[in-house]
């Protein structure tokens, strides 16, 4: 009986060791360390103050050659959905309002707009424009109303602003990317999620007061930006047909907090 005690004890010790290994108990019950470092494998910005993280995110965004923005914005009580690919010399994509869907393309300073026939109002040409890109002259009010949606600098300046004292929130994810969220005034002034992987790009902006939620992705990735084919383009010279948008819908990425409604102007 006494001779069997060591064997039983060894068996119990072995079983306990297997359980500890299988359950990966870290700090109690099985001994060991204090858990994995949450900053292991990150770019390290999570260790910085919230103000410094925001500054690094802005610097990274400013230095980037391109970005893909998608989400919703609220301006003047109106909601807009955007899906835009942008770089320093132009942009391309789609903006939807409650009234219409707009295809936008800007190459250099030349802006092209595709909208429904209804957008062009009562003009004789309206019925011919629903499936065409219209070349928008810079002197036309429509140019100022839409250009800002194709301007990387304007959109980023309008989106990345946080209003209030910044604090850090526990690490989370945007898609598969790890992020450190920054809260302005406890979230009342907006929430910005900054990548913990690689370059500290901003990956998600949630604007104050429910004024929009926009994801920022594909930083620095190239994409083609060329004028539309000639047979898909209509050029009216210096004056467009009368549009329903004159004095009506005024898309703006700058928000609903009195920042203006003509982002390109």
Foldseek 3Di string as FASTA:
>chain_A
DVVCVVVVVVVVVVVQVVVCVVVVDDPDDPHHDDDDDPLPQFPPCVVPFQVVLLVLQVVLLVPFFKKWKFKWFAAPNWIKTWTWIAGAQWIWTWIDTPVWIWTWAGGRLKIWIAIALVQLPPDPCSNVRNQATETAAPPDPVSLLPRLVTHSVLLCVLQSDFAADKGWDDWDDDVPFIWIKIDHPNNQRWIWTFGRHDRGHTAWTQGHPRRIIMGMDPTNPDDDHDDDDPVRYDYPDHDDRHGPPVVHDRPASNHHPPPDRRSRD
